Amino acid sequence: MNFHHRHPHHHHRYHDHGKKQVIRDVPKGCLAIKVGQLGEEQQRFVVPVIYFNHPLFMKLLKEAEEEYGFEQKGTITIPCHVEQFRYVQGMIDRENSIHHQHHHVGCFGRA
């Protein structure tokens, strides 16, 4: 029998340079994305996967496709101002809370 010991809070990834980077866990049902325009500091957000089906979020993904193409590697980057993303996030959250009467606690917000 093989038993695998899992660390609940961190995973480690080794880069070519041998440096170890700690990657924060993302709650089940959520994805980490980066938000920010070229020239501004990008911020990391953890969002529920249901966002990806919402028309407002799909518009942001289309902008990312137009900006970066499908060659983008790693974390999805949304090329809009952080304030604009927070506004869209708030609209989606309000709409989802009205329709579903529950929240994905632990998913929302900046990571």
PDB file of N, CA and C in Angstrom:
ATOM      1  N   MET A   1       0.834  -1.192   0.000  1.00  0.00           N
ATOM      2  CA  MET A   1       0.000   0.000   0.000  1.00  0.00           C
ATOM      3  C   MET A   1       0.871   1.245   0.000  1.00  0.00           C
ATOM      4  N   ASN A   2       0.512   2.179  -0.804  1.00  0.00           N
ATOM      5  CA  ASN A   2       1.217   3.453  -0.827  1.00  0.00           C
ATOM      6  C   ASN A   2       0.374   4.498  -0.122  1.00  0.00           C
ATOM      7  N   PHE A   3       0.991   5.229   0.781  1.00  0.00           N
ATOM      8  CA  PHE A   3       0.332   6.334   1.453  1.00  0.00           C
ATOM      9  C   PHE A   3       1.066   7.605   1.066  1.00  0.00           C
ATOM     10  N   HIS A   4       0.315   8.598   0.667  1.00  0.00           N
ATOM     11  CA  HIS A   4       0.910   9.874   0.285  1.00  0.00           C
ATOM     12  C   HIS A   4       0.581  10.885   1.363  1.00  0.00           C
ATOM     13  N   HIS A   5       1.609  11.534   1.862  1.00  0.00           N
ATOM     14  CA  HIS A   5       1.413  12.568   2.871  1.00  0.00           C
ATOM     15  C   HIS A   5       1.207  13.896   2.161  1.00  0.00           C
ATOM     16  N   ARG A   6       0.087  14.528   2.405  1.00  0.00           N
ATOM     17  CA  ARG A   6      -0.205  15.818   1.778  1.00  0.00           C
ATOM     18  C   ARG A   6      -0.110  16.918   2.807  1.00  0.00           C
ATOM     19  N   HIS A   7       0.529  17.990   2.424  1.00  0.00           N
ATOM     20  CA  HIS A   7       0.558  19.181   3.265  1.00  0.00           C
ATOM     21  C   HIS A   7      -0.662  20.013   2.902  1.00  0.00           C
ATOM     22  N   PRO A   8      -1.522  20.323   3.852  1.00  0.00           N
ATOM     23  CA  PRO A   8      -2.788  20.964   3.524  1.00  0.00           C
ATOM     24  C   PRO A   8      -2.695  22.411   3.054  1.00  0.00           C
ATOM     25  N   HIS A   9      -1.597  23.106   3.336  1.00  0.00           N
ATOM     26  CA  HIS A   9      -1.606  24.535   3.044  1.00  0.00           C
ATOM     27  C   HIS A   9      -0.674  24.978   1.924  1.00  0.00           C
ATOM     28  N   HIS A  10       0.349  24.197   1.603  1.00  0.00           N
ATOM     29  CA  HIS A  10       1.298  24.662   0.595  1.00  0.00           C
ATOM     30  C   HIS A  10       1.731  23.533  -0.312  1.00  0.00           C
ATOM     31  N   HIS A  11       1.939  23.875  -1.556  1.00  0.00           N
ATOM     32  CA  HIS A  11       2.573  22.994  -2.520  1.00  0.00           C
ATOM     33  C   HIS A  11       3.867  23.687  -2.913  1.00  0.00           C
ATOM     34  N   HIS A  12       4.855  22.926  -3.323  1.00  0.00           N
ATOM     35  CA  HIS A  12       6.127  23.520  -3.709  1.00  0.00           C
ATOM     36  C   HIS A  12       6.385  23.250  -5.178  1.00  0.00           C
ATOM     37  N   ARG A  13       6.908  24.236  -5.864  1.00  0.00           N
ATOM     38  CA  ARG A  13       7.271  24.102  -7.268  1.00  0.00           C
ATOM     39  C   ARG A  13       8.726  24.545  -7.398  1.00  0.00           C
ATOM     40  N   TYR A  14       9.499  23.765  -8.119  1.00  0.00           N
ATOM     41  CA  TYR A  14      10.889  24.112  -8.339  1.00  0.00           C
ATOM     42  C   TYR A  14      11.049  24.671  -9.743  1.00  0.00           C
ATOM     43  N   HIS A  15      11.721  25.804  -9.849  1.00  0.00           N
ATOM     44  CA  HIS A  15      11.977  26.434 -11.140  1.00  0.00           C
ATOM     45  C   HIS A  15      13.347  26.008 -11.643  1.00  0.00           C
ATOM     46  N   ASP A  16      13.660  26.367 -12.882  1.00  0.00           N
ATOM     47  CA  ASP A  16      14.935  26.016 -13.493  1.00  0.00           C
ATOM     48  C   ASP A  16      16.120  26.481 -12.662  1.00  0.00           C
ATOM     49  N   HIS A  17      15.957  27.569 -11.945  1.00  0.00           N
ATOM     50  CA  HIS A  17      17.062  28.130 -11.182  1.00  0.00           C
ATOM     51  C   HIS A  17      17.226  27.452  -9.831  1.00  0.00           C
ATOM     52  N   GLY A  18      16.431  26.445  -9.544  1.00  0.00           N
ATOM     53  CA  GLY A  18      16.537  25.733  -8.284  1.00  0.00           C
ATOM     54  C   GLY A  18      15.877  26.440  -7.119  1.00  0.00           C
ATOM     55  N   LYS A  19      15.243  27.571  -7.371  1.00  0.00           N
ATOM     56  CA  LYS A  19      14.564  28.291  -6.300  1.00  0.00           C
ATOM     57  C   LYS A  19      13.226  27.627  -6.021  1.00  0.00           C
ATOM     58  N   LYS A  20      12.854  27.607  -4.767  1.00  0.00           N
ATOM     59  CA  LYS A  20      11.589  26.999  -4.377  1.00  0.00           C
ATOM     60  C   LYS A  20      10.558  28.105  -4.166  1.00  0.00           C
ATOM     61  N   GLN A  21       9.414  27.929  -4.778  1.00  0.00           N
ATOM     62  CA  GLN A  21       8.338  28.900  -4.649  1.00  0.00           C
ATOM     63  C   GLN A  21       7.168  28.212  -3.966  1.00  0.00           C
ATOM     64  N   VAL A  22       6.586  28.857  -2.955  1.00  0.00           N
ATOM     65  CA  VAL A  22       5.413  28.313  -2.285  1.00  0.00           C
ATOM     66  C   VAL A  22       4.179  28.809  -3.022  1.00  0.00           C
ATOM     67  N   ILE A  23       3.324  27.885  -3.401  1.00  0.00           N
ATOM     68  CA  ILE A  23       2.090  28.214  -4.105  1.00  0.00           C
ATOM     69  C   ILE A  23       0.935  28.046  -3.123  1.00  0.00           C
ATOM     70  N   ARG A  24       0.170  29.108  -2.954  1.00  0.00           N
ATOM     71  CA  ARG A  24      -0.963  29.046  -2.032  1.00  0.00           C
ATOM     72  C   ARG A  24      -2.077  28.208  -2.631  1.00  0.00           C
ATOM     73  N   ASP A  25      -2.717  27.437  -1.779  1.00  0.00           N
ATOM     74  CA  ASP A  25      -3.842  26.628  -2.238  1.00  0.00           C
ATOM     75  C   ASP A  25      -5.006  27.519  -2.643  1.00  0.00           C
ATOM     76  N   VAL A  26      -5.732  27.057  -3.619  1.00  0.00           N
ATOM     77  CA  VAL A  26      -6.942  27.724  -4.078  1.00  0.00           C
ATOM     78  C   VAL A  26      -8.095  26.818  -3.683  1.00  0.00           C
ATOM     79  N   PRO A  27      -9.136  27.350  -3.021  1.00  0.00           N
ATOM     80  CA  PRO A  27     -10.259  26.505  -2.600  1.00  0.00           C
ATOM     81  C   PRO A  27     -10.887  25.762  -3.773  1.00  0.00           C
ATOM     82  N   LYS A  28     -11.431  24.602  -3.484  1.00  0.00           N
ATOM     83  CA  LYS A  28     -12.119  23.807  -4.501  1.00  0.00           C
ATOM     84  C   LYS A  28     -13.241  24.648  -5.109  1.00  0.00           C
ATOM     85  N   GLY A  29     -13.356  24.586  -6.424  1.00  0.00           N
ATOM     86  CA  GLY A  29     -14.391  25.346  -7.113  1.00  0.00           C
ATOM     87  C   GLY A  29     -13.975  26.762  -7.468  1.00  0.00           C
ATOM     88  N   CYS A  30     -12.704  27.087  -7.258  1.00  0.00           N
ATOM     89  CA  CYS A  30     -12.196  28.428  -7.540  1.00  0.00           C
ATOM     90  C   CYS A  30     -10.929  28.347  -8.384  1.00  0.00           C
ATOM     91  N   LEU A  31     -10.587  29.456  -9.023  1.00  0.00           N
ATOM     92  CA  LEU A  31      -9.346  29.580  -9.787  1.00  0.00           C
ATOM     93  C   LEU A  31      -8.672  30.895  -9.435  1.00  0.00           C
ATOM     94  N   ALA A  32      -7.354  30.901  -9.490  1.00  0.00           N
ATOM     95  CA  ALA A  32      -6.592  32.132  -9.289  1.00  0.00           C
ATOM     96  C   ALA A  32      -6.361  32.784 -10.647  1.00  0.00           C
ATOM     97  N   ILE A  33      -6.529  34.090 -10.690  1.00  0.00           N
ATOM     98  CA  ILE A  33      -6.261  34.865 -11.900  1.00  0.00           C
ATOM     99  C   ILE A  33      -5.445  36.089 -11.499  1.00  0.00           C
ATOM    100  N   LYS A  34      -4.831  36.727 -12.491  1.00  0.00           N
ATOM    101  CA  LYS A  34      -4.150  38.003 -12.269  1.00  0.00           C
ATOM    102  C   LYS A  34      -4.931  39.072 -13.015  1.00  0.00           C
ATOM    103  N   VAL A  35      -4.987  40.254 -12.409  1.00  0.00           N
ATOM    104  CA  VAL A  35      -5.715  41.367 -13.007  1.00  0.00           C
ATOM    105  C   VAL A  35      -4.797  42.585 -13.017  1.00  0.00           C
ATOM    106  N   GLY A  36      -4.759  43.274 -14.144  1.00  0.00           N
ATOM    107  CA  GLY A  36      -3.984  44.505 -14.226  1.00  0.00           C
ATOM    108  C   GLY A  36      -3.575  44.813 -15.643  1.00  0.00           C
ATOM    109  N   GLN A  37      -3.532  46.088 -15.958  1.00  0.00           N
ATOM    110  CA  GLN A  37      -3.119  46.540 -17.280  1.00  0.00           C
ATOM    111  C   GLN A  37      -1.601  46.574 -17.356  1.00  0.00           C
ATOM    112  N   LEU A  38      -1.112  46.583 -18.571  1.00  0.00           N
ATOM    113  CA  LEU A  38       0.312  46.708 -18.810  1.00  0.00           C
ATOM    114  C   LEU A  38       0.806  47.994 -18.157  1.00  0.00           C
ATOM    115  N   GLY A  39       1.860  47.898 -17.388  1.00  0.00           N
ATOM    116  CA  GLY A  39       2.417  49.068 -16.730  1.00  0.00           C
ATOM    117  C   GLY A  39       1.919  49.290 -15.315  1.00  0.00           C
ATOM    118  N   GLU A  40       0.862  48.593 -14.905  1.00  0.00           N
ATOM    119  CA  GLU A  40       0.407  48.716 -13.523  1.00  0.00           C
ATOM    120  C   GLU A  40       0.651  47.395 -12.808  1.00  0.00           C
ATOM    121  N   GLU A  41       0.770  47.464 -11.502  1.00  0.00           N
ATOM    122  CA  GLU A  41       1.014  46.251 -10.729  1.00  0.00           C
ATOM    123  C   GLU A  41      -0.203  45.332 -10.813  1.00  0.00           C
ATOM    124  N   GLN A  42       0.045  44.087 -11.176  1.00  0.00           N
ATOM    125  CA  GLN A  42      -1.045  43.122 -11.267  1.00  0.00           C
ATOM    126  C   GLN A  42      -1.359  42.574  -9.881  1.00  0.00           C
ATOM    127  N   GLN A  43      -2.635  42.299  -9.651  1.00  0.00           N
ATOM    128  CA  GLN A  43      -3.073  41.717  -8.387  1.00  0.00           C
ATOM    129  C   GLN A  43      -3.664  40.348  -8.649  1.00  0.00           C
ATOM    130  N   ARG A  44      -3.489  39.467  -7.676  1.00  0.00           N
ATOM    131  CA  ARG A  44      -4.005  38.099  -7.771  1.00  0.00           C
ATOM    132  C   ARG A  44      -5.374  38.049  -7.108  1.00  0.00           C
ATOM    133  N   PHE A  45      -6.334  37.458  -7.800  1.00  0.00           N
ATOM    134  CA  PHE A  45      -7.677  37.256  -7.277  1.00  0.00           C
ATOM    135  C   PHE A  45      -8.008  35.776  -7.362  1.00  0.00           C
ATOM    136  N   VAL A  46      -8.787  35.299  -6.420  1.00  0.00           N
ATOM    137  CA  VAL A  46      -9.297  33.929  -6.452  1.00  0.00           C
ATOM    138  C   VAL A  46     -10.800  34.046  -6.652  1.00  0.00           C
ATOM    139  N   VAL A  47     -11.275  33.471  -7.768  1.00  0.00           N
ATOM    140  CA  VAL A  47     -12.686  33.620  -8.135  1.00  0.00           C
ATOM    141  C   VAL A  47     -13.333  32.254  -8.331  1.00  0.00           C
ATOM    142  N   PRO A  48     -14.635  32.156  -8.072  1.00  0.00           N
ATOM    143  CA  PRO A  48     -15.349  30.897  -8.308  1.00  0.00           C
ATOM    144  C   PRO A  48     -15.364  30.556  -9.800  1.00  0.00           C
ATOM    145  N   VAL A  49     -15.307  29.286 -10.116  1.00  0.00           N
ATOM    146  CA  VAL A  49     -15.314  28.868 -11.525  1.00  0.00           C
ATOM    147  C   VAL A  49     -16.622  29.251 -12.220  1.00  0.00           C
ATOM    148  N   ILE A  50     -17.696  29.451 -11.462  1.00  0.00           N
ATOM    149  CA  ILE A  50     -18.960  29.856 -12.091  1.00  0.00           C
ATOM    150  C   ILE A  50     -18.837  31.218 -12.769  1.00  0.00           C
ATOM    151  N   TYR A  51     -17.853  32.032 -12.374  1.00  0.00           N
ATOM    152  CA  TYR A  51     -17.604  33.309 -13.048  1.00  0.00           C
ATOM    153  C   TYR A  51     -17.372  33.099 -14.541  1.00  0.00           C
ATOM    154  N   PHE A  52     -16.711  31.990 -14.899  1.00  0.00           N
ATOM    155  CA  PHE A  52     -16.297  31.771 -16.281  1.00  0.00           C
ATOM    156  C   PHE A  52     -17.483  31.593 -17.230  1.00  0.00           C
ATOM    157  N   ASN A  53     -18.676  31.363 -16.694  1.00  0.00           N
ATOM    158  CA  ASN A  53     -19.886  31.253 -17.512  1.00  0.00           C
ATOM    159  C   ASN A  53     -20.683  32.550 -17.560  1.00  0.00           C
ATOM    160  N   HIS A  54     -20.288  33.533 -16.775  1.00  0.00           N
ATOM    161  CA  HIS A  54     -21.037  34.788 -16.712  1.00  0.00           C
ATOM    162  C   HIS A  54     -20.646  35.685 -17.897  1.00  0.00           C
ATOM    163  N   PRO A  55     -21.638  36.299 -18.568  1.00  0.00           N
ATOM    164  CA  PRO A  55     -21.347  37.140 -19.742  1.00  0.00           C
ATOM    165  C   PRO A  55     -20.340  38.264 -19.472  1.00  0.00           C
ATOM    166  N   LEU A  56     -20.400  38.896 -18.298  1.00  0.00           N
ATOM    167  CA  LEU A  56     -19.452  39.974 -17.999  1.00  0.00           C
ATOM    168  C   LEU A  56     -18.025  39.441 -17.884  1.00  0.00           C
ATOM    169  N   PHE A  57     -17.871  38.288 -17.253  1.00  0.00           N
ATOM    170  CA  PHE A  57     -16.541  37.700 -17.108  1.00  0.00           C
ATOM    171  C   PHE A  57     -16.042  37.182 -18.454  1.00  0.00           C
ATOM    172  N   MET A  58     -16.960  36.627 -19.246  1.00  0.00           N
ATOM    173  CA  MET A  58     -16.565  36.140 -20.575  1.00  0.00           C
ATOM    174  C   MET A  58     -16.058  37.297 -21.441  1.00  0.00           C
ATOM    175  N   LYS A  59     -16.619  38.477 -21.249  1.00  0.00           N
ATOM    176  CA  LYS A  59     -16.135  39.654 -21.978  1.00  0.00           C
ATOM    177  C   LYS A  59     -14.693  39.973 -21.570  1.00  0.00           C
ATOM    178  N   LEU A  60     -14.400  39.873 -20.269  1.00  0.00           N
ATOM    179  CA  LEU A  60     -13.027  40.098 -19.803  1.00  0.00           C
ATOM    180  C   LEU A  60     -12.078  39.042 -20.362  1.00  0.00           C
ATOM    181  N   LEU A  61     -12.541  37.794 -20.433  1.00  0.00           N
ATOM    182  CA  LEU A  61     -11.717  36.725 -21.007  1.00  0.00           C
ATOM    183  C   LEU A  61     -11.456  36.975 -22.491  1.00  0.00           C
ATOM    184  N   LYS A  62     -12.445  37.510 -23.189  1.00  0.00           N
ATOM    185  CA  LYS A  62     -12.277  37.838 -24.610  1.00  0.00           C
ATOM    186  C   LYS A  62     -11.217  38.924 -24.775  1.00  0.00           C
ATOM    187  N   GLU A  63     -11.234  39.916 -23.872  1.00  0.00           N
ATOM    188  CA  GLU A  63     -10.210  40.962 -23.903  1.00  0.00           C
ATOM    189  C   GLU A  63      -8.826  40.363 -23.656  1.00  0.00           C
ATOM    190  N   ALA A  64      -8.743  39.392 -22.743  1.00  0.00           N
ATOM    191  CA  ALA A  64      -7.468  38.721 -22.472  1.00  0.00           C
ATOM    192  C   ALA A  64      -6.992  37.969 -23.709  1.00  0.00           C
ATOM    193  N   GLU A  65      -7.924  37.314 -24.395  1.00  0.00           N
ATOM    194  CA  GLU A  65      -7.584  36.585 -25.624  1.00  0.00           C
ATOM    195  C   GLU A  65      -7.057  37.542 -26.689  1.00  0.00           C
ATOM    196  N   GLU A  66      -7.733  38.693 -26.839  1.00  0.00           N
ATOM    197  CA  GLU A  66      -7.308  39.674 -27.840  1.00  0.00           C
ATOM    198  C   GLU A  66      -5.949  40.271 -27.496  1.00  0.00           C
ATOM    199  N   GLU A  67      -5.689  40.460 -26.204  1.00  0.00           N
ATOM    200  CA  GLU A  67      -4.425  41.058 -25.756  1.00  0.00           C
ATOM    201  C   GLU A  67      -3.265  40.066 -25.816  1.00  0.00           C
ATOM    202  N   TYR A  68      -3.495  38.849 -25.327  1.00  0.00           N
ATOM    203  CA  TYR A  68      -2.410  37.878 -25.156  1.00  0.00           C
ATOM    204  C   TYR A  68      -2.500  36.678 -26.088  1.00  0.00           C
ATOM    205  N   GLY A  69      -3.643  36.462 -26.718  1.00  0.00           N
ATOM    206  CA  GLY A  69      -3.827  35.281 -27.549  1.00  0.00           C
ATOM    207  C   GLY A  69      -3.937  34.035 -26.686  1.00  0.00           C
ATOM    208  N   PHE A  70      -3.880  32.888 -27.340  1.00  0.00           N
ATOM    209  CA  PHE A  70      -3.975  31.629 -26.608  1.00  0.00           C
ATOM    210  C   PHE A  70      -2.603  31.129 -26.188  1.00  0.00           C
ATOM    211  N   GLU A  71      -1.566  31.910 -26.456  1.00  0.00           N
ATOM    212  CA  GLU A  71      -0.203  31.512 -26.114  1.00  0.00           C
ATOM    213  C   GLU A  71       0.129  31.806 -24.653  1.00  0.00           C
ATOM    214  N   GLN A  72      -0.771  32.462 -23.945  1.00  0.00           N
ATOM    215  CA  GLN A  72      -0.541  32.832 -22.555  1.00  0.00           C
ATOM    216  C   GLN A  72      -0.257  31.582 -21.721  1.00  0.00           C
ATOM    217  N   LYS A  73       0.823  31.603 -20.967  1.00  0.00           N
ATOM    218  CA  LYS A  73       1.200  30.465 -20.134  1.00  0.00           C
ATOM    219  C   LYS A  73       0.954  30.807 -18.666  1.00  0.00           C
ATOM    220  N   GLY A  74       0.607  29.802 -17.887  1.00  0.00           N
ATOM    221  CA  GLY A  74       0.430  30.015 -16.453  1.00  0.00           C
ATOM    222  C   GLY A  74      -0.927  30.595 -16.120  1.00  0.00           C
ATOM    223  N   THR A  75      -0.933  31.443 -15.124  1.00  0.00           N
ATOM    224  CA  THR A  75      -2.160  32.038 -14.611  1.00  0.00           C
ATOM    225  C   THR A  75      -2.822  32.923 -15.665  1.00  0.00           C
ATOM    226  N   ILE A  76      -4.135  32.838 -15.755  1.00  0.00           N
ATOM    227  CA  ILE A  76      -4.895  33.707 -16.663  1.00  0.00           C
ATOM    228  C   ILE A  76      -4.733  35.145 -16.185  1.00  0.00           C
ATOM    229  N   THR A  77      -4.403  36.035 -17.111  1.00  0.00           N
ATOM    230  CA  THR A  77      -4.263  37.451 -16.789  1.00  0.00           C
ATOM    231  C   THR A  77      -5.352  38.230 -17.510  1.00  0.00           C
ATOM    232  N   ILE A  78      -6.103  39.005 -16.745  1.00  0.00           N
ATOM    233  CA  ILE A  78      -7.168  39.848 -17.286  1.00  0.00           C
ATOM    234  C   ILE A  78      -6.595  41.261 -17.439  1.00  0.00           C
ATOM    235  N   PRO A  79      -6.532  41.789 -18.681  1.00  0.00           N
ATOM    236  CA  PRO A  79      -5.900  43.091 -18.909  1.00  0.00           C
ATOM    237  C   PRO A  79      -6.854  44.268 -18.716  1.00  0.00           C
ATOM    238  N   CYS A  80      -7.301  44.461 -17.486  1.00  0.00           N
ATOM    239  CA  CYS A  80      -8.130  45.628 -17.195  1.00  0.00           C
ATOM    240  C   CYS A  80      -7.652  46.215 -15.869  1.00  0.00           C
ATOM    241  N   HIS A  81      -8.077  47.422 -15.589  1.00  0.00           N
ATOM    242  CA  HIS A  81      -7.712  48.035 -14.315  1.00  0.00           C
ATOM    243  C   HIS A  81      -8.354  47.249 -13.174  1.00  0.00           C
ATOM    244  N   VAL A  82      -7.660  47.166 -12.060  1.00  0.00           N
ATOM    245  CA  VAL A  82      -8.144  46.414 -10.904  1.00  0.00           C
ATOM    246  C   VAL A  82      -9.503  46.940 -10.455  1.00  0.00           C
ATOM    247  N   GLU A  83      -9.679  48.265 -10.469  1.00  0.00           N
ATOM    248  CA  GLU A  83     -10.959  48.850 -10.046  1.00  0.00           C
ATOM    249  C   GLU A  83     -12.094  48.395 -10.961  1.00  0.00           C
ATOM    250  N   GLN A  84     -11.819  48.326 -12.264  1.00  0.00           N
ATOM    251  CA  GLN A  84     -12.832  47.858 -13.216  1.00  0.00           C
ATOM    252  C   GLN A  84     -13.185  46.402 -12.921  1.00  0.00           C
ATOM    253  N   PHE A  85     -12.170  45.575 -12.634  1.00  0.00           N
ATOM    254  CA  PHE A  85     -12.434  44.175 -12.326  1.00  0.00           C
ATOM    255  C   PHE A  85     -13.264  44.050 -11.048  1.00  0.00           C
ATOM    256  N   ARG A  86     -12.925  44.835 -10.027  1.00  0.00           N
ATOM    257  CA  ARG A  86     -13.697  44.782  -8.767  1.00  0.00           C
ATOM    258  C   ARG A  86     -15.158  45.162  -9.007  1.00  0.00           C
ATOM    259  N   TYR A  87     -15.398  46.136  -9.883  1.00  0.00           N
ATOM    260  CA  TYR A  87     -16.765  46.533 -10.216  1.00  0.00           C
ATOM    261  C   TYR A  87     -17.517  45.366 -10.860  1.00  0.00           C
ATOM    262  N   VAL A  88     -16.885  44.722 -11.850  1.00  0.00           N
ATOM    263  CA  VAL A  88     -17.496  43.564 -12.516  1.00  0.00           C
ATOM    264  C   VAL A  88     -17.706  42.435 -11.511  1.00  0.00           C
ATOM    265  N   GLN A  89     -16.718  42.198 -10.663  1.00  0.00           N
ATOM    266  CA  GLN A  89     -16.821  41.156  -9.639  1.00  0.00           C
ATOM    267  C   GLN A  89     -18.017  41.424  -8.719  1.00  0.00           C
ATOM    268  N   GLY A  90     -18.190  42.672  -8.311  1.00  0.00           N
ATOM    269  CA  GLY A  90     -19.319  43.035  -7.455  1.00  0.00           C
ATOM    270  C   GLY A  90     -20.657  42.796  -8.134  1.00  0.00           C
ATOM    271  N   MET A  91     -20.739  43.129  -9.419  1.00  0.00           N
ATOM    272  CA  MET A  91     -21.980  42.899 -10.165  1.00  0.00           C
ATOM    273  C   MET A  91     -22.295  41.406 -10.246  1.00  0.00           C
ATOM    274  N   ILE A  92     -21.281  40.592 -10.530  1.00  0.00           N
ATOM    275  CA  ILE A  92     -21.485  39.141 -10.619  1.00  0.00           C
ATOM    276  C   ILE A  92     -21.882  38.583  -9.261  1.00  0.00           C
ATOM    277  N   ASP A  93     -21.202  39.035  -8.211  1.00  0.00           N
ATOM    278  CA  ASP A  93     -21.507  38.551  -6.859  1.00  0.00           C
ATOM    279  C   ASP A  93     -22.943  38.879  -6.458  1.00  0.00           C
ATOM    280  N   ARG A  94     -23.367  40.123  -6.729  1.00  0.00           N
ATOM    281  CA  ARG A  94     -24.743  40.517  -6.382  1.00  0.00           C
ATOM    282  C   ARG A  94     -25.755  39.684  -7.159  1.00  0.00           C
ATOM    283  N   GLU A  95     -25.495  39.509  -8.437  1.00  0.00           N
ATOM    284  CA  GLU A  95     -26.402  38.725  -9.275  1.00  0.00           C
ATOM    285  C   GLU A  95     -26.475  37.275  -8.795  1.00  0.00           C
ATOM    286  N   ASN A  96     -25.330  36.690  -8.480  1.00  0.00           N
ATOM    287  CA  ASN A  96     -25.309  35.302  -8.004  1.00  0.00           C
ATOM    288  C   ASN A  96     -25.983  35.155  -6.651  1.00  0.00           C
ATOM    289  N   SER A  97     -25.831  36.137  -5.770  1.00  0.00           N
ATOM    290  CA  SER A  97     -26.459  36.019  -4.452  1.00  0.00           C
ATOM    291  C   SER A  97     -27.975  36.141  -4.559  1.00  0.00           C
ATOM    292  N   ILE A  98     -28.463  36.908  -5.519  1.00  0.00           N
ATOM    293  CA  ILE A  98     -29.907  37.034  -5.727  1.00  0.00           C
ATOM    294  C   ILE A  98     -30.472  35.734  -6.294  1.00  0.00           C
ATOM    295  N   HIS A  99     -29.765  35.151  -7.275  1.00  0.00           N
ATOM    296  CA  HIS A  99     -30.259  33.947  -7.940  1.00  0.00           C
ATOM    297  C   HIS A  99     -30.048  32.678  -7.131  1.00  0.00           C
ATOM    298  N   HIS A 100     -28.961  32.605  -6.370  1.00  0.00           N
ATOM    299  CA  HIS A 100     -28.613  31.349  -5.704  1.00  0.00           C
ATOM    300  C   HIS A 100     -28.744  31.396  -4.189  1.00  0.00           C
ATOM    301  N   GLN A 101     -28.851  32.589  -3.625  1.00  0.00           N
ATOM    302  CA  GLN A 101     -29.004  32.750  -2.183  1.00  0.00           C
ATOM    303  C   GLN A 101     -27.913  32.056  -1.375  1.00  0.00           C
ATOM    304  N   HIS A 102     -26.709  31.946  -1.934  1.00  0.00           N
ATOM    305  CA  HIS A 102     -25.563  31.466  -1.161  1.00  0.00           C
ATOM    306  C   HIS A 102     -24.286  32.034  -1.763  1.00  0.00           C
ATOM    307  N   HIS A 103     -23.234  32.016  -0.972  1.00  0.00           N
ATOM    308  CA  HIS A 103     -21.939  32.544  -1.410  1.00  0.00           C
ATOM    309  C   HIS A 103     -20.902  31.446  -1.334  1.00  0.00           C
ATOM    310  N   HIS A 104     -19.884  31.589  -2.137  1.00  0.00           N
ATOM    311  CA  HIS A 104     -18.752  30.671  -2.091  1.00  0.00           C
ATOM    312  C   HIS A 104     -17.732  31.261  -1.130  1.00  0.00           C
ATOM    313  N   VAL A 105     -17.960  31.090   0.152  1.00  0.00           N
ATOM    314  CA  VAL A 105     -17.078  31.644   1.155  1.00  0.00           C
ATOM    315  C   VAL A 105     -15.691  31.065   0.942  1.00  0.00           C
ATOM    316  N   GLY A 106     -14.701  31.922   0.971  1.00  0.00           N
ATOM    317  CA  GLY A 106     -13.334  31.477   0.766  1.00  0.00           C
ATOM    318  C   GLY A 106     -12.844  31.695  -0.644  1.00  0.00           C
ATOM    319  N   CYS A 107     -13.742  31.890  -1.595  1.00  0.00           N
ATOM    320  CA  CYS A 107     -13.328  32.109  -2.981  1.00  0.00           C
ATOM    321  C   CYS A 107     -13.149  33.583  -3.287  1.00  0.00           C
ATOM    322  N   PHE A 108     -14.012  34.416  -2.741  1.00  0.00           N
ATOM    323  CA  PHE A 108     -14.056  35.799  -3.164  1.00  0.00           C
ATOM    324  C   PHE A 108     -12.917  36.615  -2.599  1.00  0.00           C
ATOM    325  N   GLY A 109     -12.489  37.577  -3.392  1.00  0.00           N
ATOM    326  CA  GLY A 109     -11.522  38.539  -2.905  1.00  0.00           C
ATOM    327  C   GLY A 109     -10.158  38.396  -3.513  1.00  0.00           C
ATOM    328  N   ARG A 110      -9.293  39.242  -3.032  1.00  0.00           N
ATOM    329  CA  ARG A 110      -7.921  39.282  -3.507  1.00  0.00           C
ATOM    330  C   ARG A 110      -7.109  38.320  -2.674  1.00  0.00           C
ATOM    331  N   ALA A 111      -6.212  37.620  -3.311  1.00  0.00           N
ATOM    332  CA  ALA A 111      -5.387  36.645  -2.597  1.00  0.00           C
ATOM    333  C   ALA A 111      -3.991  37.158  -2.418  1.00  0.00           C
TER     334      ALA A 111
END
